[in-house]
Amino acid sequence: MESSAVRAAMVRKLQAQGISHPAVVAAMLAVERHRFVDSALVNQAYEDTSLPIGQGQTISKPGVVARMVELLCQSSAQPLGRVLEIGTGCGYQAAVLSRVAREVYSIERIRALHDKARDNLRALRVPNLHLILGDGMAGFAQGAPYAAIIAAAGGNDLPAAWIDQLAVGGRLVAPAVTAAGGQHLVVIDKTARGIVRTELEAVHFVPLKSGLA
């Protein structure tokens, strides 16, 4: 698939929605989303929609990926340092993150998706991206502390392990159920004085689960 023109059109739409961070725009232009979806869905790869990737999971909308990565990038100088992604899925967001961060650890609890992401990413030869099979709710202590943490699944609240593994000065962006009801994007900034929590727009992500599958 010759995707550069249709990908550029997708990015123009993202910019019209307010995505403006240069590193995020460049990453969304560079990463070929059609490589991360099933062949039957290739023609929908650059629409701003989530798509099934198997195992009851989805690849997030490009607009949601760009929005969450931009929130991370707004928190510090570029590039980001070490980033932890909770929920590798098919590997698309991990590939985007690898272009805005020095190092990315991405953890997936479902073995079939972990293997699929590895296959999808193999041809891209991304040297600063590490894929881990494990329970994302526990984070990944071996790589901590992280300059940024991003999650592709939402629970009733944010696991304490994630906040513990976030560096002082770091930022966490994840969906979570809030007091207002329903899932919202939540931003946690870990400062020397403590935690600052900001709740943003409503979102809809697959449920956050523990254990391996």
N, C-alpha and C. Protein backbone atom coordinates (compact mmCIF):
# COMPACT_ATOMS: atom_id res chain seq x y z
N MET A 1 0.84 -1.20 0.00
CA MET A 1 0.00 0.00 0.00
C MET A 1 0.88 1.25 0.00
N GLU A 2 0.64 2.15 -0.95
CA GLU A 2 1.34 3.44 -0.97
C GLU A 2 0.53 4.40 -0.10
N SER A 3 1.05 4.65 1.09
CA SER A 3 0.21 5.29 2.11
C SER A 3 0.61 6.72 2.45
N SER A 4 1.67 7.25 1.86
CA SER A 4 2.16 8.55 2.32
C SER A 4 1.13 9.66 2.14
N ALA A 5 0.42 9.67 1.01
CA ALA A 5 -0.55 10.74 0.76
C ALA A 5 -1.75 10.63 1.71
N VAL A 6 -2.25 9.41 1.90
CA VAL A 6 -3.41 9.23 2.78
C VAL A 6 -3.01 9.45 4.23
N ARG A 7 -1.78 9.13 4.58
CA ARG A 7 -1.30 9.38 5.95
C ARG A 7 -1.15 10.89 6.19
N ALA A 8 -0.67 11.60 5.17
CA ALA A 8 -0.56 13.06 5.29
C ALA A 8 -1.94 13.69 5.47
N ALA A 9 -2.94 13.14 4.78
CA ALA A 9 -4.31 13.64 4.93
C ALA A 9 -4.82 13.37 6.35
N MET A 10 -4.50 12.20 6.89
CA MET A 10 -4.87 11.88 8.27
C MET A 10 -4.25 12.89 9.23
N VAL A 11 -2.99 13.20 9.03
CA VAL A 11 -2.30 14.12 9.95
C VAL A 11 -2.87 15.53 9.83
N ARG A 12 -3.25 15.94 8.64
CA ARG A 12 -3.89 17.26 8.49
C ARG A 12 -5.17 17.33 9.32
N LYS A 13 -5.92 16.24 9.32
CA LYS A 13 -7.15 16.19 10.13
C LYS A 13 -6.81 16.25 11.62
N LEU A 14 -5.75 15.56 12.03
CA LEU A 14 -5.34 15.61 13.43
C LEU A 14 -4.93 17.03 13.82
N GLN A 15 -4.24 17.72 12.92
CA GLN A 15 -3.85 19.10 13.20
C GLN A 15 -5.08 20.00 13.30
N ALA A 16 -6.09 19.73 12.48
CA ALA A 16 -7.33 20.51 12.55
C ALA A 16 -8.05 20.27 13.88
N GLN A 17 -7.80 19.09 14.49
CA GLN A 17 -8.39 18.78 15.80
C GLN A 17 -7.58 19.36 16.95
N GLY A 18 -6.43 19.96 16.63
CA GLY A 18 -5.64 20.62 17.67
C GLY A 18 -4.28 20.00 17.96
N ILE A 19 -3.92 18.91 17.28
CA ILE A 19 -2.59 18.31 17.49
C ILE A 19 -1.55 19.22 16.84
N SER A 20 -0.57 19.67 17.63
CA SER A 20 0.37 20.66 17.10
C SER A 20 1.83 20.39 17.47
N HIS A 21 2.08 19.49 18.41
CA HIS A 21 3.47 19.27 18.83
C HIS A 21 4.28 18.72 17.67
N PRO A 22 5.39 19.38 17.31
CA PRO A 22 6.14 18.96 16.11
C PRO A 22 6.60 17.51 16.13
N ALA A 23 7.05 17.02 17.30
CA ALA A 23 7.52 15.63 17.36
C ALA A 23 6.38 14.65 17.16
N VAL A 24 5.20 14.99 17.68
CA VAL A 24 4.04 14.10 17.53
C VAL A 24 3.56 14.10 16.08
N VAL A 25 3.50 15.28 15.47
CA VAL A 25 3.09 15.37 14.07
C VAL A 25 4.05 14.55 13.20
N ALA A 26 5.35 14.68 13.45
CA ALA A 26 6.34 13.94 12.66
C ALA A 26 6.19 12.44 12.85
N ALA A 27 5.94 12.01 14.09
CA ALA A 27 5.79 10.58 14.37
C ALA A 27 4.55 10.01 13.69
N MET A 28 3.44 10.75 13.74
CA MET A 28 2.20 10.28 13.12
C MET A 28 2.35 10.22 11.60
N LEU A 29 3.15 11.11 11.05
CA LEU A 29 3.43 11.07 9.61
C LEU A 29 4.30 9.88 9.24
N ALA A 30 5.22 9.52 10.13
CA ALA A 30 6.23 8.52 9.80
C ALA A 30 5.75 7.09 9.95
N VAL A 31 4.93 6.83 10.97
CA VAL A 31 4.56 5.44 11.29
C VAL A 31 3.39 4.99 10.42
N GLU A 32 3.60 3.90 9.71
CA GLU A 32 2.59 3.41 8.76
C GLU A 32 1.57 2.54 9.49
N ARG A 33 0.42 3.12 9.80
CA ARG A 33 -0.58 2.42 10.62
C ARG A 33 -1.11 1.16 9.92
N HIS A 34 -1.12 1.16 8.59
CA HIS A 34 -1.68 -0.01 7.89
C HIS A 34 -0.86 -1.28 8.14
N ARG A 35 0.39 -1.13 8.57
CA ARG A 35 1.21 -2.30 8.88
C ARG A 35 0.79 -2.99 10.17
N PHE A 36 -0.08 -2.33 10.94
CA PHE A 36 -0.45 -2.85 12.26
C PHE A 36 -1.88 -3.36 12.32
N VAL A 37 -2.58 -3.36 11.19
CA VAL A 37 -3.96 -3.87 11.17
C VAL A 37 -4.03 -5.06 10.24
N ASP A 38 -5.07 -5.87 10.40
CA ASP A 38 -5.25 -7.04 9.55
C ASP A 38 -5.47 -6.60 8.10
N SER A 39 -5.07 -7.44 7.17
CA SER A 39 -5.11 -7.08 5.75
C SER A 39 -6.51 -6.68 5.29
N ALA A 40 -7.54 -7.28 5.87
CA ALA A 40 -8.91 -6.95 5.47
C ALA A 40 -9.31 -5.54 5.88
N LEU A 41 -8.55 -4.93 6.79
CA LEU A 41 -8.90 -3.60 7.30
C LEU A 41 -7.95 -2.51 6.82
N VAL A 42 -7.04 -2.87 5.92
CA VAL A 42 -6.02 -1.91 5.47
C VAL A 42 -6.63 -0.63 4.92
N ASN A 43 -7.73 -0.75 4.19
CA ASN A 43 -8.34 0.45 3.60
C ASN A 43 -8.93 1.40 4.63
N GLN A 44 -9.09 0.92 5.88
CA GLN A 44 -9.60 1.77 6.96
C GLN A 44 -8.48 2.26 7.89
N ALA A 45 -7.26 1.93 7.55
CA ALA A 45 -6.15 2.15 8.48
C ALA A 45 -5.95 3.62 8.82
N TYR A 46 -6.27 4.52 7.90
CA TYR A 46 -5.99 5.94 8.14
C TYR A 46 -7.25 6.74 8.43
N GLU A 47 -8.33 6.04 8.70
CA GLU A 47 -9.53 6.71 9.21
C GLU A 47 -9.36 6.89 10.72
N ASP A 48 -10.02 7.92 11.26
CA ASP A 48 -9.88 8.17 12.69
C ASP A 48 -10.87 7.30 13.46
N THR A 49 -10.57 6.02 13.45
CA THR A 49 -11.45 5.05 14.10
C THR A 49 -10.61 3.95 14.73
N SER A 50 -11.12 3.36 15.81
CA SER A 50 -10.47 2.18 16.38
C SER A 50 -10.85 0.97 15.54
N LEU A 51 -9.97 -0.02 15.51
CA LEU A 51 -10.20 -1.21 14.69
C LEU A 51 -9.84 -2.45 15.52
N PRO A 52 -10.53 -3.57 15.28
CA PRO A 52 -10.23 -4.79 16.03
C PRO A 52 -8.87 -5.37 15.64
N ILE A 53 -8.16 -5.89 16.65
CA ILE A 53 -6.85 -6.51 16.38
C ILE A 53 -6.82 -7.95 16.91
N GLY A 54 -8.00 -8.46 17.30
CA GLY A 54 -8.07 -9.82 17.83
C GLY A 54 -8.02 -9.83 19.35
N GLN A 55 -8.40 -10.97 19.93
CA GLN A 55 -8.36 -11.17 21.38
C GLN A 55 -9.26 -10.17 22.12
N GLY A 56 -10.28 -9.65 21.42
CA GLY A 56 -11.19 -8.70 22.04
C GLY A 56 -10.60 -7.32 22.25
N GLN A 57 -9.47 -7.03 21.60
CA GLN A 57 -8.77 -5.76 21.78
C GLN A 57 -8.85 -4.92 20.50
N THR A 58 -8.49 -3.65 20.62
CA THR A 58 -8.54 -2.75 19.46
C THR A 58 -7.26 -1.94 19.37
N ILE A 59 -7.01 -1.44 18.15
CA ILE A 59 -6.00 -0.40 17.94
C ILE A 59 -6.72 0.93 18.11
N SER A 60 -6.17 1.81 18.93
CA SER A 60 -6.83 3.08 19.24
C SER A 60 -6.92 3.97 18.00
N LYS A 61 -7.89 4.88 18.03
CA LYS A 61 -8.01 5.87 16.98
C LYS A 61 -6.70 6.67 16.87
N PRO A 62 -6.29 7.03 15.65
CA PRO A 62 -5.11 7.89 15.52
C PRO A 62 -5.23 9.18 16.34
N GLY A 63 -6.44 9.73 16.38
CA GLY A 63 -6.63 10.96 17.14
C GLY A 63 -6.38 10.78 18.62
N VAL A 64 -6.74 9.62 19.16
CA VAL A 64 -6.52 9.34 20.58
C VAL A 64 -5.04 9.10 20.85
N VAL A 65 -4.39 8.34 19.97
CA VAL A 65 -2.95 8.12 20.11
C VAL A 65 -2.20 9.45 20.09
N ALA A 66 -2.50 10.28 19.11
CA ALA A 66 -1.82 11.56 18.99
C ALA A 66 -2.08 12.45 20.21
N ARG A 67 -3.32 12.47 20.68
CA ARG A 67 -3.68 13.28 21.83
C ARG A 67 -2.91 12.85 23.08
N MET A 68 -2.87 11.54 23.34
CA MET A 68 -2.21 11.06 24.56
C MET A 68 -0.69 11.24 24.49
N VAL A 69 -0.11 10.98 23.32
CA VAL A 69 1.33 11.15 23.17
C VAL A 69 1.69 12.63 23.27
N GLU A 70 0.85 13.50 22.73
CA GLU A 70 1.11 14.94 22.83
C GLU A 70 1.06 15.40 24.29
N LEU A 71 0.11 14.86 25.07
CA LEU A 71 0.07 15.20 26.49
C LEU A 71 1.36 14.81 27.19
N LEU A 72 1.94 13.67 26.83
CA LEU A 72 3.23 13.28 27.39
C LEU A 72 4.32 14.24 26.97
N CYS A 73 4.35 14.59 25.69
CA CYS A 73 5.42 15.43 25.16
C CYS A 73 5.37 16.86 25.71
N GLN A 74 4.18 17.30 26.08
CA GLN A 74 4.05 18.66 26.62
C GLN A 74 4.64 18.78 28.01
N SER A 75 4.97 17.64 28.63
CA SER A 75 5.38 17.66 30.03
C SER A 75 6.87 17.88 30.23
N SER A 76 7.66 17.79 29.15
CA SER A 76 9.11 17.88 29.35
C SER A 76 9.79 18.28 28.05
N ALA A 77 11.09 18.53 28.18
CA ALA A 77 11.90 18.81 27.01
C ALA A 77 11.95 17.57 26.12
N GLN A 78 12.27 17.79 24.85
CA GLN A 78 12.31 16.67 23.90
C GLN A 78 13.74 16.19 23.69
N PRO A 79 13.94 14.91 23.40
CA PRO A 79 12.89 13.90 23.42
C PRO A 79 12.57 13.50 24.85
N LEU A 80 11.45 12.79 25.01
CA LEU A 80 11.15 12.20 26.30
C LEU A 80 12.26 11.23 26.68
N GLY A 81 12.42 10.98 27.95
CA GLY A 81 13.40 9.99 28.39
C GLY A 81 12.85 8.59 28.24
N ARG A 82 12.85 7.83 29.31
CA ARG A 82 12.37 6.45 29.28
C ARG A 82 10.85 6.44 29.50
N VAL A 83 10.15 5.73 28.62
CA VAL A 83 8.68 5.68 28.66
C VAL A 83 8.22 4.24 28.87
N LEU A 84 7.17 4.08 29.68
CA LEU A 84 6.52 2.78 29.86
C LEU A 84 5.14 2.85 29.23
N GLU A 85 4.86 1.91 28.33
CA GLU A 85 3.53 1.79 27.73
C GLU A 85 2.86 0.55 28.32
N ILE A 86 1.66 0.73 28.84
CA ILE A 86 0.86 -0.37 29.37
C ILE A 86 -0.13 -0.81 28.30
N GLY A 87 0.08 -2.00 27.74
CA GLY A 87 -0.81 -2.50 26.69
C GLY A 87 -0.23 -2.27 25.31
N THR A 88 0.66 -3.17 24.89
CA THR A 88 1.30 -3.03 23.57
C THR A 88 0.29 -3.16 22.44
N GLY A 89 -0.69 -4.07 22.62
CA GLY A 89 -1.64 -4.31 21.54
C GLY A 89 -0.91 -4.79 20.30
N CYS A 90 -1.19 -4.15 19.18
CA CYS A 90 -0.56 -4.55 17.91
C CYS A 90 0.79 -3.87 17.69
N GLY A 91 1.16 -2.92 18.57
CA GLY A 91 2.46 -2.29 18.47
C GLY A 91 2.48 -0.90 17.85
N TYR A 92 1.32 -0.42 17.37
CA TYR A 92 1.30 0.87 16.67
C TYR A 92 1.72 2.03 17.57
N GLN A 93 1.08 2.16 18.73
CA GLN A 93 1.42 3.28 19.60
C GLN A 93 2.85 3.19 20.09
N ALA A 94 3.34 1.97 20.31
CA ALA A 94 4.74 1.79 20.70
C ALA A 94 5.68 2.34 19.64
N ALA A 95 5.34 2.11 18.37
CA ALA A 95 6.16 2.64 17.28
C ALA A 95 6.15 4.16 17.27
N VAL A 96 4.97 4.75 17.53
CA VAL A 96 4.88 6.21 17.60
C VAL A 96 5.73 6.72 18.77
N LEU A 97 5.59 6.08 19.93
CA LEU A 97 6.36 6.50 21.10
C LEU A 97 7.87 6.42 20.86
N SER A 98 8.29 5.41 20.10
CA SER A 98 9.73 5.22 19.87
C SER A 98 10.34 6.40 19.12
N ARG A 99 9.50 7.21 18.49
CA ARG A 99 9.99 8.35 17.73
C ARG A 99 10.01 9.65 18.54
N VAL A 100 9.43 9.61 19.74
CA VAL A 100 9.41 10.83 20.56
C VAL A 100 10.15 10.63 21.89
N ALA A 101 10.64 9.41 22.13
CA ALA A 101 11.31 9.08 23.39
C ALA A 101 12.65 8.43 23.13
N ARG A 102 13.55 8.56 24.10
CA ARG A 102 14.86 7.92 23.96
C ARG A 102 14.76 6.40 24.09
N GLU A 103 13.84 5.94 24.95
CA GLU A 103 13.72 4.50 25.19
C GLU A 103 12.29 4.19 25.59
N VAL A 104 11.75 3.09 25.06
CA VAL A 104 10.36 2.71 25.34
C VAL A 104 10.33 1.25 25.81
N TYR A 105 9.67 1.03 26.95
CA TYR A 105 9.33 -0.31 27.41
C TYR A 105 7.82 -0.46 27.23
N SER A 106 7.41 -1.50 26.51
CA SER A 106 5.98 -1.71 26.26
C SER A 106 5.60 -3.11 26.74
N ILE A 107 4.60 -3.17 27.62
CA ILE A 107 4.24 -4.43 28.26
C ILE A 107 2.83 -4.86 27.85
N GLU A 108 2.67 -6.14 27.55
CA GLU A 108 1.39 -6.70 27.08
C GLU A 108 1.12 -8.00 27.84
N ARG A 109 -0.12 -8.17 28.31
CA ARG A 109 -0.47 -9.35 29.10
C ARG A 109 -0.96 -10.52 28.25
N ILE A 110 -1.38 -10.26 27.00
CA ILE A 110 -1.94 -11.31 26.15
C ILE A 110 -0.85 -11.79 25.19
N ARG A 111 -0.46 -13.05 25.36
CA ARG A 111 0.69 -13.56 24.59
C ARG A 111 0.49 -13.42 23.09
N ALA A 112 -0.72 -13.71 22.60
CA ALA A 112 -0.97 -13.64 21.15
C ALA A 112 -0.74 -12.23 20.61
N LEU A 113 -1.10 -11.22 21.39
CA LEU A 113 -0.87 -9.83 20.96
C LEU A 113 0.60 -9.45 21.09
N HIS A 114 1.24 -9.89 22.14
CA HIS A 114 2.68 -9.65 22.29
C HIS A 114 3.43 -10.20 21.08
N ASP A 115 3.06 -11.42 20.66
CA ASP A 115 3.71 -12.03 19.49
C ASP A 115 3.37 -11.27 18.21
N LYS A 116 2.11 -10.81 18.10
CA LYS A 116 1.70 -10.06 16.91
C LYS A 116 2.46 -8.74 16.82
N ALA A 117 2.60 -8.06 17.94
CA ALA A 117 3.34 -6.80 17.95
C ALA A 117 4.79 -7.02 17.55
N ARG A 118 5.37 -8.09 18.08
CA ARG A 118 6.77 -8.39 17.72
C ARG A 118 6.91 -8.62 16.21
N ASP A 119 5.96 -9.34 15.63
CA ASP A 119 5.97 -9.57 14.18
C ASP A 119 5.80 -8.26 13.41
N ASN A 120 4.84 -7.44 13.87
CA ASN A 120 4.58 -6.17 13.18
C ASN A 120 5.78 -5.23 13.22
N LEU A 121 6.51 -5.25 14.33
CA LEU A 121 7.60 -4.30 14.53
C LEU A 121 8.95 -4.80 14.02
N ARG A 122 9.03 -6.10 13.76
CA ARG A 122 10.33 -6.67 13.40
C ARG A 122 10.95 -5.98 12.18
N ALA A 123 10.14 -5.76 11.15
CA ALA A 123 10.67 -5.17 9.92
C ALA A 123 11.10 -3.71 10.11
N LEU A 124 10.56 -3.05 11.14
CA LEU A 124 10.88 -1.63 11.36
C LEU A 124 12.21 -1.46 12.08
N ARG A 125 12.69 -2.53 12.71
CA ARG A 125 14.00 -2.50 13.39
C ARG A 125 14.12 -1.26 14.30
N VAL A 126 13.32 -1.25 15.34
CA VAL A 126 13.28 -0.10 16.25
C VAL A 126 14.21 -0.39 17.43
N PRO A 127 15.41 0.20 17.46
CA PRO A 127 16.41 -0.20 18.46
C PRO A 127 16.10 0.25 19.88
N ASN A 128 15.27 1.27 20.04
CA ASN A 128 15.02 1.81 21.39
C ASN A 128 13.71 1.33 22.00
N LEU A 129 13.14 0.26 21.43
CA LEU A 129 11.85 -0.26 21.89
C LEU A 129 12.02 -1.68 22.41
N HIS A 130 11.54 -1.92 23.65
CA HIS A 130 11.64 -3.22 24.29
C HIS A 130 10.23 -3.75 24.56
N LEU A 131 9.90 -4.92 24.03
CA LEU A 131 8.58 -5.52 24.23
C LEU A 131 8.66 -6.56 25.35
N ILE A 132 7.70 -6.48 26.26
CA ILE A 132 7.70 -7.35 27.44
C ILE A 132 6.35 -8.04 27.55
N LEU A 133 6.38 -9.34 27.80
CA LEU A 133 5.16 -10.08 28.14
C LEU A 133 5.02 -10.06 29.65
N GLY A 134 3.94 -9.46 30.15
CA GLY A 134 3.79 -9.36 31.59
C GLY A 134 2.49 -8.68 31.98
N ASP A 135 2.27 -8.58 33.27
CA ASP A 135 1.07 -7.97 33.82
C ASP A 135 1.28 -6.47 33.93
N GLY A 136 0.63 -5.73 33.05
CA GLY A 136 0.83 -4.29 33.02
C GLY A 136 0.37 -3.57 34.27
N MET A 137 -0.57 -4.15 35.01
CA MET A 137 -1.03 -3.49 36.23
C MET A 137 0.09 -3.35 37.25
N ALA A 138 1.09 -4.21 37.14
CA ALA A 138 2.25 -4.15 38.05
C ALA A 138 3.33 -3.23 37.51
N GLY A 139 3.11 -2.66 36.31
CA GLY A 139 4.15 -1.86 35.69
C GLY A 139 5.33 -2.73 35.29
N PHE A 140 6.52 -2.12 35.24
CA PHE A 140 7.74 -2.87 34.94
C PHE A 140 8.87 -2.21 35.74
N ALA A 141 9.04 -2.72 36.97
CA ALA A 141 9.95 -2.08 37.92
C ALA A 141 11.39 -2.05 37.43
N GLN A 142 11.77 -3.04 36.61
CA GLN A 142 13.17 -3.12 36.17
C GLN A 142 13.60 -1.90 35.36
N GLY A 143 12.65 -1.25 34.70
CA GLY A 143 13.00 -0.08 33.89
C GLY A 143 12.78 1.24 34.59
N ALA A 144 12.19 1.22 35.79
CA ALA A 144 11.84 2.44 36.50
C ALA A 144 13.11 3.16 37.02
N PRO A 145 13.04 4.47 37.24
CA PRO A 145 11.85 5.33 37.10
C PRO A 145 11.66 5.78 35.65
N TYR A 146 10.40 6.10 35.32
CA TYR A 146 10.04 6.50 33.96
C TYR A 146 9.73 8.00 33.88
N ALA A 147 10.18 8.61 32.80
CA ALA A 147 9.83 10.01 32.54
C ALA A 147 8.37 10.14 32.17
N ALA A 148 7.80 9.05 31.62
CA ALA A 148 6.40 9.08 31.20
C ALA A 148 5.85 7.67 31.19
N ILE A 149 4.57 7.56 31.52
CA ILE A 149 3.84 6.29 31.46
C ILE A 149 2.53 6.55 30.74
N ILE A 150 2.16 5.64 29.84
CA ILE A 150 0.93 5.78 29.06
C ILE A 150 0.22 4.43 29.05
N ALA A 151 -1.09 4.45 29.20
CA ALA A 151 -1.84 3.19 29.26
C ALA A 151 -2.91 3.15 28.19
N ALA A 152 -3.10 1.97 27.60
CA ALA A 152 -4.08 1.77 26.52
C ALA A 152 -5.27 0.96 27.00
N ALA A 153 -5.51 0.95 28.34
CA ALA A 153 -6.67 0.28 28.91
C ALA A 153 -7.04 1.02 30.18
N GLY A 154 -8.31 0.99 30.53
CA GLY A 154 -8.77 1.78 31.65
C GLY A 154 -9.45 0.97 32.73
N GLY A 155 -9.13 1.29 33.99
CA GLY A 155 -9.74 0.62 35.13
C GLY A 155 -10.48 1.61 36.02
N ASN A 156 -10.87 1.14 37.19
CA ASN A 156 -11.57 2.01 38.13
C ASN A 156 -10.66 3.09 38.69
N ASP A 157 -9.38 2.82 38.74
CA ASP A 157 -8.42 3.85 39.14
C ASP A 157 -7.05 3.44 38.61
N LEU A 158 -6.06 4.28 38.88
CA LEU A 158 -4.72 4.03 38.38
C LEU A 158 -3.94 3.20 39.40
N PRO A 159 -3.34 2.08 38.99
CA PRO A 159 -2.57 1.26 39.92
C PRO A 159 -1.46 2.05 40.61
N ALA A 160 -1.30 1.81 41.90
CA ALA A 160 -0.26 2.51 42.66
C ALA A 160 1.13 2.24 42.10
N ALA A 161 1.32 1.04 41.52
CA ALA A 161 2.64 0.69 40.98
C ALA A 161 3.07 1.66 39.89
N TRP A 162 2.11 2.13 39.09
CA TRP A 162 2.46 3.06 38.01
C TRP A 162 2.98 4.37 38.60
N ILE A 163 2.28 4.88 39.59
CA ILE A 163 2.68 6.15 40.19
C ILE A 163 4.02 5.99 40.91
N ASP A 164 4.21 4.85 41.57
CA ASP A 164 5.49 4.58 42.24
C ASP A 164 6.64 4.57 41.25
N GLN A 165 6.40 4.04 40.04
CA GLN A 165 7.47 3.88 39.04
C GLN A 165 7.69 5.14 38.19
N LEU A 166 6.87 6.16 38.40
CA LEU A 166 7.01 7.42 37.68
C LEU A 166 8.08 8.27 38.36
N ALA A 167 8.97 8.83 37.58
CA ALA A 167 10.02 9.69 38.14
C ALA A 167 9.42 11.01 38.63
N VAL A 168 10.07 11.63 39.59
CA VAL A 168 9.69 12.99 39.96
C VAL A 168 9.92 13.88 38.73
N GLY A 169 8.92 14.66 38.39
CA GLY A 169 8.97 15.44 37.16
C GLY A 169 8.33 14.72 35.99
N GLY A 170 7.92 13.47 36.22
CA GLY A 170 7.33 12.66 35.14
C GLY A 170 5.82 12.84 35.04
N ARG A 171 5.27 12.31 33.96
CA ARG A 171 3.83 12.43 33.70
C ARG A 171 3.26 11.09 33.27
N LEU A 172 2.08 10.78 33.80
CA LEU A 172 1.32 9.58 33.46
C LEU A 172 0.04 10.01 32.76
N VAL A 173 -0.29 9.38 31.64
CA VAL A 173 -1.54 9.64 30.92
C VAL A 173 -2.25 8.31 30.73
N ALA A 174 -3.48 8.21 31.24
CA ALA A 174 -4.21 6.94 31.17
C ALA A 174 -5.70 7.20 31.29
N PRO A 175 -6.53 6.30 30.75
CA PRO A 175 -7.96 6.37 31.01
C PRO A 175 -8.27 5.78 32.37
N ALA A 176 -9.25 6.34 33.04
CA ALA A 176 -9.70 5.78 34.33
C ALA A 176 -11.12 6.26 34.59
N VAL A 177 -11.86 5.47 35.35
CA VAL A 177 -13.20 5.88 35.78
C VAL A 177 -13.04 6.96 36.85
N THR A 178 -13.75 8.08 36.68
CA THR A 178 -13.62 9.20 37.60
C THR A 178 -14.90 9.35 38.42
N ALA A 179 -14.85 10.28 39.39
CA ALA A 179 -16.01 10.53 40.24
C ALA A 179 -17.20 11.03 39.44
N ALA A 180 -16.92 11.63 38.29
CA ALA A 180 -17.99 12.13 37.43
C ALA A 180 -18.75 10.98 36.76
N GLY A 181 -18.19 9.77 36.82
CA GLY A 181 -18.80 8.61 36.18
C GLY A 181 -18.26 8.43 34.78
N GLY A 182 -18.00 7.20 34.39
CA GLY A 182 -17.47 6.93 33.06
C GLY A 182 -15.97 7.13 33.01
N GLN A 183 -15.39 6.69 31.91
CA GLN A 183 -13.94 6.81 31.69
C GLN A 183 -13.59 8.21 31.20
N HIS A 184 -12.51 8.74 31.74
CA HIS A 184 -11.95 10.00 31.26
C HIS A 184 -10.44 9.83 31.14
N LEU A 185 -9.82 10.66 30.31
CA LEU A 185 -8.37 10.72 30.31
C LEU A 185 -7.93 11.39 31.60
N VAL A 186 -6.97 10.78 32.28
CA VAL A 186 -6.43 11.32 33.52
C VAL A 186 -4.94 11.57 33.33
N VAL A 187 -4.49 12.74 33.75
CA VAL A 187 -3.07 13.10 33.70
C VAL A 187 -2.56 13.22 35.14
N ILE A 188 -1.50 12.50 35.44
CA ILE A 188 -0.85 12.59 36.74
C ILE A 188 0.54 13.21 36.54
N ASP A 189 0.78 14.32 37.19
CA ASP A 189 2.12 14.91 37.21
C ASP A 189 2.71 14.67 38.59
N LYS A 190 3.88 14.06 38.63
CA LYS A 190 4.55 13.75 39.90
C LYS A 190 5.60 14.83 40.17
N THR A 191 5.32 15.68 41.12
CA THR A 191 6.21 16.79 41.42
C THR A 191 6.93 16.55 42.74
N ALA A 192 7.90 17.38 43.03
CA ALA A 192 8.63 17.27 44.28
C ALA A 192 7.71 17.49 45.48
N ARG A 193 6.59 18.17 45.26
CA ARG A 193 5.64 18.45 46.34
C ARG A 193 4.52 17.43 46.42
N GLY A 194 4.46 16.52 45.46
CA GLY A 194 3.40 15.51 45.47
C GLY A 194 2.77 15.31 44.11
N ILE A 195 1.58 14.72 44.13
CA ILE A 195 0.90 14.33 42.90
C ILE A 195 -0.13 15.39 42.51
N VAL A 196 -0.13 15.76 41.23
CA VAL A 196 -1.14 16.66 40.69
C VAL A 196 -1.96 15.87 39.68
N ARG A 197 -3.25 15.75 39.90
CA ARG A 197 -4.14 14.96 39.05
C ARG A 197 -5.07 15.89 38.27
N THR A 198 -5.14 15.67 36.95
CA THR A 198 -6.02 16.46 36.09
C THR A 198 -6.89 15.50 35.30
N GLU A 199 -8.19 15.75 35.30
CA GLU A 199 -9.12 14.90 34.55
C GLU A 199 -9.60 15.66 33.32
N LEU A 200 -9.51 14.99 32.17
CA LEU A 200 -9.82 15.61 30.88
C LEU A 200 -11.06 14.98 30.27
N GLU A 201 -11.10 14.89 28.94
CA GLU A 201 -12.31 14.49 28.24
C GLU A 201 -12.65 13.01 28.43
N ALA A 202 -13.93 12.71 28.20
CA ALA A 202 -14.39 11.33 28.25
C ALA A 202 -13.77 10.52 27.11
N VAL A 203 -13.45 9.26 27.40
CA VAL A 203 -12.87 8.35 26.41
C VAL A 203 -13.49 6.98 26.60
N HIS A 204 -13.18 6.08 25.67
CA HIS A 204 -13.69 4.71 25.79
C HIS A 204 -12.58 3.74 25.41
N PHE A 205 -12.00 3.10 26.43
CA PHE A 205 -10.93 2.13 26.22
C PHE A 205 -11.36 0.75 26.72
N VAL A 206 -10.68 -0.27 26.24
CA VAL A 206 -10.94 -1.63 26.74
C VAL A 206 -10.59 -1.68 28.22
N PRO A 207 -11.17 -2.62 28.98
CA PRO A 207 -10.93 -2.69 30.42
C PRO A 207 -9.50 -3.08 30.76
N LEU A 208 -8.99 -2.48 31.82
CA LEU A 208 -7.69 -2.85 32.35
C LEU A 208 -7.84 -4.14 33.16
N LYS A 209 -7.01 -5.13 32.85
CA LYS A 209 -7.09 -6.43 33.54
C LYS A 209 -5.71 -6.83 34.02
N SER A 210 -5.71 -7.70 35.03
CA SER A 210 -4.44 -8.21 35.56
C SER A 210 -4.22 -9.65 35.09
N GLY A 211 -3.00 -10.13 35.28
CA GLY A 211 -2.67 -11.51 34.94
C GLY A 211 -2.33 -11.68 33.48
N LEU A 212 -1.77 -12.84 33.17
CA LEU A 212 -1.39 -13.16 31.78
C LEU A 212 -2.50 -13.96 31.12
N ALA A 213 -2.58 -13.84 29.79
CA ALA A 213 -3.61 -14.57 29.04
C ALA A 213 -3.00 -15.09 27.74
